[in-house]
């Protein structure tokens, strides 16, 4: 079985949960953070989101049959 692929990606997080897509470029995640913060302010909420660094692991294994 091949070794897992590990990548560092960035996202916007609230608490310990990612609330945006993963981005390979930190600047793209930072722009998303600004957009989300502004949306929260527009909704009269205090922005409590942060830019997070995530290690994404992709593994490959033997295919499993799908039954419907």
PDB file of N, CA and C in Angstrom:
ATOM      1  N   UNK A   1       0.846  -1.164   0.000  1.00  0.00           N
ATOM      2  CA  UNK A   1       0.000   0.000   0.000  1.00  0.00           C
ATOM      3  C   UNK A   1       0.906   1.245   0.000  1.00  0.00           C
ATOM      4  N   UNK A   2       0.573   2.235  -0.849  1.00  0.00           N
ATOM      5  CA  UNK A   2       1.409   3.436  -0.910  1.00  0.00           C
ATOM      6  C   UNK A   2       1.305   4.268   0.368  1.00  0.00           C
ATOM      7  N   UNK A   3       2.340   5.071   0.583  1.00  0.00           N
ATOM      8  CA  UNK A   3       2.352   5.965   1.744  1.00  0.00           C
ATOM      9  C   UNK A   3       1.285   7.047   1.585  1.00  0.00           C
ATOM     10  N   UNK A   4       0.696   7.499   2.685  1.00  0.00           N
ATOM     11  CA  UNK A   4      -0.296   8.577   2.607  1.00  0.00           C
ATOM     12  C   UNK A   4       0.355   9.862   2.087  1.00  0.00           C
ATOM     13  N   UNK A   5      -0.432  10.656   1.391  1.00  0.00           N
ATOM     14  CA  UNK A   5       0.024  11.946   0.890  1.00  0.00           C
ATOM     15  C   UNK A   5      -0.400  12.997   1.905  1.00  0.00           C
ATOM     16  N   UNK A   6       0.566  13.782   2.414  1.00  0.00           N
ATOM     17  CA  UNK A   6       0.262  14.826   3.388  1.00  0.00           C
ATOM     18  C   UNK A   6       0.519  16.181   2.743  1.00  0.00           C
ATOM     19  N   UNK A   7      -0.476  17.060   2.845  1.00  0.00           N
ATOM     20  CA  UNK A   7      -0.374  18.397   2.287  1.00  0.00           C
ATOM     21  C   UNK A   7      -0.746  19.418   3.352  1.00  0.00           C
ATOM     22  N   UNK A   8      -0.081  20.563   3.340  1.00  0.00           N
ATOM     23  CA  UNK A   8      -0.467  21.667   4.209  1.00  0.00           C
ATOM     24  C   UNK A   8      -1.393  22.566   3.417  1.00  0.00           C
ATOM     25  N   UNK A   9      -2.578  22.797   3.971  1.00  0.00           N
ATOM     26  CA  UNK A   9      -3.577  23.650   3.335  1.00  0.00           C
ATOM     27  C   UNK A   9      -4.070  24.661   4.369  1.00  0.00           C
ATOM     28  N   UNK A  10      -4.825  25.641   3.901  1.00  0.00           N
ATOM     29  CA  UNK A  10      -5.302  26.722   4.757  1.00  0.00           C
ATOM     30  C   UNK A  10      -6.812  26.837   4.626  1.00  0.00           C
ATOM     31  N   UNK A  11      -7.453  27.284   5.700  1.00  0.00           N
ATOM     32  CA  UNK A  11      -8.900  27.479   5.678  1.00  0.00           C
ATOM     33  C   UNK A  11      -9.283  28.476   6.757  1.00  0.00           C
ATOM     34  N   UNK A  12     -10.546  28.848   6.760  1.00  0.00           N
ATOM     35  CA  UNK A  12     -11.102  29.681   7.825  1.00  0.00           C
ATOM     36  C   UNK A  12     -11.769  28.733   8.820  1.00  0.00           C
ATOM     37  N   UNK A  13     -11.486  28.949  10.092  1.00  0.00           N
ATOM     38  CA  UNK A  13     -12.025  28.067  11.125  1.00  0.00           C
ATOM     39  C   UNK A  13     -12.764  28.879  12.182  1.00  0.00           C
ATOM     40  N   UNK A  14     -13.750  28.239  12.768  1.00  0.00           N
ATOM     41  CA  UNK A  14     -14.488  28.793  13.903  1.00  0.00           C
ATOM     42  C   UNK A  14     -14.421  27.746  14.994  1.00  0.00           C
ATOM     43  N   UNK A  15     -13.737  28.080  16.075  1.00  0.00           N
ATOM     44  CA  UNK A  15     -13.460  27.071  17.088  1.00  0.00           C
ATOM     45  C   UNK A  15     -12.487  26.057  16.500  1.00  0.00           C
ATOM     46  N   UNK A  16     -12.846  24.791  16.564  1.00  0.00           N
ATOM     47  CA  UNK A  16     -11.975  23.762  15.987  1.00  0.00           C
ATOM     48  C   UNK A  16     -12.575  23.155  14.722  1.00  0.00           C
ATOM     49  N   UNK A  17     -13.487  23.889  14.074  1.00  0.00           N
ATOM     50  CA  UNK A  17     -14.151  23.393  12.867  1.00  0.00           C
ATOM     51  C   UNK A  17     -13.829  24.285  11.673  1.00  0.00           C
ATOM     52  N   UNK A  18     -13.456  23.670  10.572  1.00  0.00           N
ATOM     53  CA  UNK A  18     -13.260  24.414   9.326  1.00  0.00           C
ATOM     54  C   UNK A  18     -14.621  24.849   8.803  1.00  0.00           C
ATOM     55  N   UNK A  19     -14.738  26.116   8.404  1.00  0.00           N
ATOM     56  CA  UNK A  19     -16.011  26.600   7.878  1.00  0.00           C
ATOM     57  C   UNK A  19     -15.868  27.092   6.441  1.00  0.00           C
ATOM     58  N   UNK A  20     -14.709  26.880   5.837  1.00  0.00           N
ATOM     59  CA  UNK A  20     -14.519  27.261   4.439  1.00  0.00           C
ATOM     60  C   UNK A  20     -13.826  26.116   3.711  1.00  0.00           C
ATOM     61  N   UNK A  21     -13.665  26.296   2.440  1.00  0.00           N
ATOM     62  CA  UNK A  21     -12.934  25.316   1.640  1.00  0.00           C
ATOM     63  C   UNK A  21     -11.458  25.341   2.020  1.00  0.00           C
ATOM     64  N   UNK A  22     -10.755  24.281   1.655  1.00  0.00           N
ATOM     65  CA  UNK A  22      -9.314  24.258   1.831  1.00  0.00           C
ATOM     66  C   UNK A  22      -8.658  24.955   0.651  1.00  0.00           C
ATOM     67  N   UNK A  23      -7.631  25.754   0.950  1.00  0.00           N
ATOM     68  CA  UNK A  23      -6.881  26.464  -0.078  1.00  0.00           C
ATOM     69  C   UNK A  23      -5.420  26.076   0.009  1.00  0.00           C
ATOM     70  N   UNK A  24      -4.801  25.893  -1.143  1.00  0.00           N
ATOM     71  CA  UNK A  24      -3.374  25.583  -1.166  1.00  0.00           C
ATOM     72  C   UNK A  24      -2.534  26.834  -0.964  1.00  0.00           C
ATOM     73  N   UNK A  25      -3.098  28.005  -1.302  1.00  0.00           N
ATOM     74  CA  UNK A  25      -2.390  29.272  -1.184  1.00  0.00           C
ATOM     75  C   UNK A  25      -2.958  30.034   0.013  1.00  0.00           C
ATOM     76  N   UNK A  26      -2.088  30.424   0.929  1.00  0.00           N
ATOM     77  CA  UNK A  26      -2.523  31.088   2.161  1.00  0.00           C
ATOM     78  C   UNK A  26      -3.257  32.394   1.868  1.00  0.00           C
ATOM     79  N   UNK A  27      -2.822  33.121   0.861  1.00  0.00           N
ATOM     80  CA  UNK A  27      -3.443  34.404   0.528  1.00  0.00           C
ATOM     81  C   UNK A  27      -4.919  34.225   0.149  1.00  0.00           C
ATOM     82  N   UNK A  28      -5.245  33.146  -0.533  1.00  0.00           N
ATOM     83  CA  UNK A  28      -6.649  32.893  -0.888  1.00  0.00           C
ATOM     84  C   UNK A  28      -7.502  32.660   0.352  1.00  0.00           C
ATOM     85  N   UNK A  29      -6.957  31.940   1.317  1.00  0.00           N
ATOM     86  CA  UNK A  29      -7.688  31.710   2.567  1.00  0.00           C
ATOM     87  C   UNK A  29      -7.822  33.016   3.347  1.00  0.00           C
ATOM     88  N   UNK A  30      -6.800  33.869   3.297  1.00  0.00           N
ATOM     89  CA  UNK A  30      -6.862  35.154   3.986  1.00  0.00           C
ATOM     90  C   UNK A  30      -7.953  36.038   3.381  1.00  0.00           C
ATOM     91  N   UNK A  31      -8.111  36.013   2.067  1.00  0.00           N
ATOM     92  CA  UNK A  31      -9.182  36.770   1.417  1.00  0.00           C
ATOM     93  C   UNK A  31     -10.554  36.233   1.823  1.00  0.00           C
ATOM     94  N   UNK A  32     -10.660  34.922   1.943  1.00  0.00           N
ATOM     95  CA  UNK A  32     -11.912  34.313   2.389  1.00  0.00           C
ATOM     96  C   UNK A  32     -12.215  34.708   3.831  1.00  0.00           C
ATOM     97  N   UNK A  33     -11.174  34.790   4.658  1.00  0.00           N
ATOM     98  CA  UNK A  33     -11.340  35.212   6.049  1.00  0.00           C
ATOM     99  C   UNK A  33     -11.929  36.621   6.106  1.00  0.00           C
ATOM    100  N   UNK A  34     -11.398  37.530   5.301  1.00  0.00           N
ATOM    101  CA  UNK A  34     -11.907  38.905   5.266  1.00  0.00           C
ATOM    102  C   UNK A  34     -13.370  38.917   4.840  1.00  0.00           C
ATOM    103  N   UNK A  35     -13.706  38.131   3.820  1.00  0.00           N
ATOM    104  CA  UNK A  35     -15.089  38.072   3.331  1.00  0.00           C
ATOM    105  C   UNK A  35     -16.028  37.544   4.412  1.00  0.00           C
ATOM    106  N   UNK A  36     -15.626  36.490   5.112  1.00  0.00           N
ATOM    107  CA  UNK A  36     -16.469  35.891   6.149  1.00  0.00           C
ATOM    108  C   UNK A  36     -16.620  36.847   7.332  1.00  0.00           C
ATOM    109  N   UNK A  37     -15.518  37.501   7.732  1.00  0.00           N
ATOM    110  CA  UNK A  37     -15.609  38.468   8.827  1.00  0.00           C
ATOM    111  C   UNK A  37     -16.590  39.592   8.479  1.00  0.00           C
ATOM    112  N   UNK A  38     -16.523  40.098   7.255  1.00  0.00           N
ATOM    113  CA  UNK A  38     -17.422  41.181   6.846  1.00  0.00           C
ATOM    114  C   UNK A  38     -18.877  40.707   6.830  1.00  0.00           C
ATOM    115  N   UNK A  39     -19.099  39.492   6.367  1.00  0.00           N
ATOM    116  CA  UNK A  39     -20.458  38.945   6.364  1.00  0.00           C
ATOM    117  C   UNK A  39     -20.999  38.822   7.784  1.00  0.00           C
ATOM    118  N   UNK A  40     -20.142  38.437   8.722  1.00  0.00           N
ATOM    119  CA  UNK A  40     -20.575  38.320  10.115  1.00  0.00           C
ATOM    120  C   UNK A  40     -20.903  39.702  10.683  1.00  0.00           C
ATOM    121  N   UNK A  41     -20.077  40.694  10.363  1.00  0.00           N
ATOM    122  CA  UNK A  41     -20.357  42.060  10.840  1.00  0.00           C
ATOM    123  C   UNK A  41     -21.669  42.580  10.259  1.00  0.00           C
ATOM    124  N   UNK A  42     -21.910  42.294   8.964  1.00  0.00           N
ATOM    125  CA  UNK A  42     -23.153  42.719   8.324  1.00  0.00           C
ATOM    126  C   UNK A  42     -24.369  42.107   9.011  1.00  0.00           C
ATOM    127  N   UNK A  43     -24.192  40.913   9.565  1.00  0.00           N
ATOM    128  CA  UNK A  43     -25.279  40.235  10.273  1.00  0.00           C
ATOM    129  C   UNK A  43     -25.297  40.585  11.765  1.00  0.00           C
ATOM    130  N   UNK A  44     -24.526  41.630  12.130  1.00  0.00           N
ATOM    131  CA  UNK A  44     -24.447  42.105  13.518  1.00  0.00           C
ATOM    132  C   UNK A  44     -23.876  41.047  14.466  1.00  0.00           C
ATOM    133  N   UNK A  45     -22.949  40.238  13.954  1.00  0.00           N
ATOM    134  CA  UNK A  45     -22.274  39.231  14.773  1.00  0.00           C
ATOM    135  C   UNK A  45     -20.826  39.651  14.983  1.00  0.00           C
ATOM    136  N   UNK A  46     -20.278  39.273  16.108  1.00  0.00           N
ATOM    137  CA  UNK A  46     -18.864  39.523  16.367  1.00  0.00           C
ATOM    138  C   UNK A  46     -18.051  38.424  15.672  1.00  0.00           C
ATOM    139  N   UNK A  47     -17.168  38.807  14.747  1.00  0.00           N
ATOM    140  CA  UNK A  47     -16.379  37.780  14.050  1.00  0.00           C
ATOM    141  C   UNK A  47     -15.488  37.014  15.027  1.00  0.00           C
ATOM    142  N   UNK A  48     -15.675  35.715  15.073  1.00  0.00           N
ATOM    143  CA  UNK A  48     -14.854  34.857  15.931  1.00  0.00           C
ATOM    144  C   UNK A  48     -14.248  33.737  15.086  1.00  0.00           C
ATOM    145  N   UNK A  49     -13.711  34.133  13.947  1.00  0.00           N
ATOM    146  CA  UNK A  49     -13.109  33.176  13.022  1.00  0.00           C
ATOM    147  C   UNK A  49     -11.624  33.483  12.886  1.00  0.00           C
ATOM    148  N   UNK A  50     -10.868  32.463  12.520  1.00  0.00           N
ATOM    149  CA  UNK A  50      -9.424  32.621  12.367  1.00  0.00           C
ATOM    150  C   UNK A  50      -8.957  31.906  11.113  1.00  0.00           C
ATOM    151  N   UNK A  51      -7.759  32.251  10.695  1.00  0.00           N
ATOM    152  CA  UNK A  51      -7.105  31.557   9.597  1.00  0.00           C
ATOM    153  C   UNK A  51      -6.395  30.347  10.189  1.00  0.00           C
ATOM    154  N   UNK A  52      -6.667  29.172   9.654  1.00  0.00           N
ATOM    155  CA  UNK A  52      -6.108  27.940  10.213  1.00  0.00           C
ATOM    156  C   UNK A  52      -5.217  27.240   9.200  1.00  0.00           C
ATOM    157  N   UNK A  53      -4.174  26.615   9.701  1.00  0.00           N
ATOM    158  CA  UNK A  53      -3.298  25.769   8.896  1.00  0.00           C
ATOM    159  C   UNK A  53      -3.667  24.326   9.204  1.00  0.00           C
ATOM    160  N   UNK A  54      -3.897  23.547   8.163  1.00  0.00           N
ATOM    161  CA  UNK A  54      -4.371  22.178   8.325  1.00  0.00           C
ATOM    162  C   UNK A  54      -3.451  21.238   7.559  1.00  0.00           C
ATOM    163  N   UNK A  55      -3.158  20.089   8.136  1.00  0.00           N
ATOM    164  CA  UNK A  55      -2.448  19.043   7.410  1.00  0.00           C
ATOM    165  C   UNK A  55      -3.483  18.058   6.903  1.00  0.00           C
ATOM    166  N   UNK A  56      -3.626  18.015   5.593  1.00  0.00           N
ATOM    167  CA  UNK A  56      -4.613  17.132   4.963  1.00  0.00           C
ATOM    168  C   UNK A  56      -3.899  15.850   4.551  1.00  0.00           C
ATOM    169  N   UNK A  57      -4.445  14.712   4.945  1.00  0.00           N
ATOM    170  CA  UNK A  57      -3.853  13.419   4.630  1.00  0.00           C
ATOM    171  C   UNK A  57      -4.767  12.648   3.686  1.00  0.00           C
ATOM    172  N   UNK A  58      -4.202  12.209   2.586  1.00  0.00           N
ATOM    173  CA  UNK A  58      -4.946  11.406   1.626  1.00  0.00           C
ATOM    174  C   UNK A  58      -4.335  10.010   1.596  1.00  0.00           C
ATOM    175  N   UNK A  59      -5.184   9.004   1.785  1.00  0.00           N
ATOM    176  CA  UNK A  59      -4.701   7.624   1.748  1.00  0.00           C
ATOM    177  C   UNK A  59      -5.436   6.869   0.649  1.00  0.00           C
ATOM    178  N   UNK A  60      -4.772   5.864   0.139  1.00  0.00           N
ATOM    179  CA  UNK A  60      -5.356   5.023  -0.890  1.00  0.00           C
ATOM    180  C   UNK A  60      -5.331   3.590  -0.405  1.00  0.00           C
ATOM    181  N   UNK A  61      -6.394   2.885  -0.639  1.00  0.00           N
ATOM    182  CA  UNK A  61      -6.466   1.484  -0.242  1.00  0.00           C
ATOM    183  C   UNK A  61      -7.151   0.682  -1.324  1.00  0.00           C
ATOM    184  N   UNK A  62      -7.402  -0.553  -1.027  1.00  0.00           N
ATOM    185  CA  UNK A  62      -8.111  -1.398  -1.981  1.00  0.00           C
ATOM    186  C   UNK A  62      -9.556  -0.931  -2.082  1.00  0.00           C
ATOM    187  N   UNK A  63     -10.080  -0.919  -3.289  1.00  0.00           N
ATOM    188  CA  UNK A  63     -11.470  -0.502  -3.457  1.00  0.00           C
ATOM    189  C   UNK A  63     -12.416  -1.469  -2.750  1.00  0.00           C
ATOM    190  N   UNK A  64     -13.472  -0.912  -2.187  1.00  0.00           N
ATOM    191  CA  UNK A  64     -14.480  -1.728  -1.536  1.00  0.00           C
ATOM    192  C   UNK A  64     -15.751  -1.677  -2.368  1.00  0.00           C
ATOM    193  N   UNK A  65     -16.395  -2.815  -2.548  1.00  0.00           N
ATOM    194  CA  UNK A  65     -17.628  -2.813  -3.329  1.00  0.00           C
ATOM    195  C   UNK A  65     -18.725  -2.019  -2.650  1.00  0.00           C
ATOM    196  N   UNK A  66     -19.526  -1.349  -3.444  1.00  0.00           N
ATOM    197  CA  UNK A  66     -20.633  -0.542  -2.925  1.00  0.00           C
ATOM    198  C   UNK A  66     -21.927  -1.308  -3.213  1.00  0.00           C
ATOM    199  N   UNK A  67     -22.731  -1.458  -2.177  1.00  0.00           N
ATOM    200  CA  UNK A  67     -24.016  -2.121  -2.375  1.00  0.00           C
ATOM    201  C   UNK A  67     -25.113  -1.090  -2.170  1.00  0.00           C
ATOM    202  N   UNK A  68     -26.123  -1.172  -3.022  1.00  0.00           N
ATOM    203  CA  UNK A  68     -27.213  -0.197  -2.917  1.00  0.00           C
ATOM    204  C   UNK A  68     -28.491  -0.876  -2.468  1.00  0.00           C
TER     205      UNK A  68
END
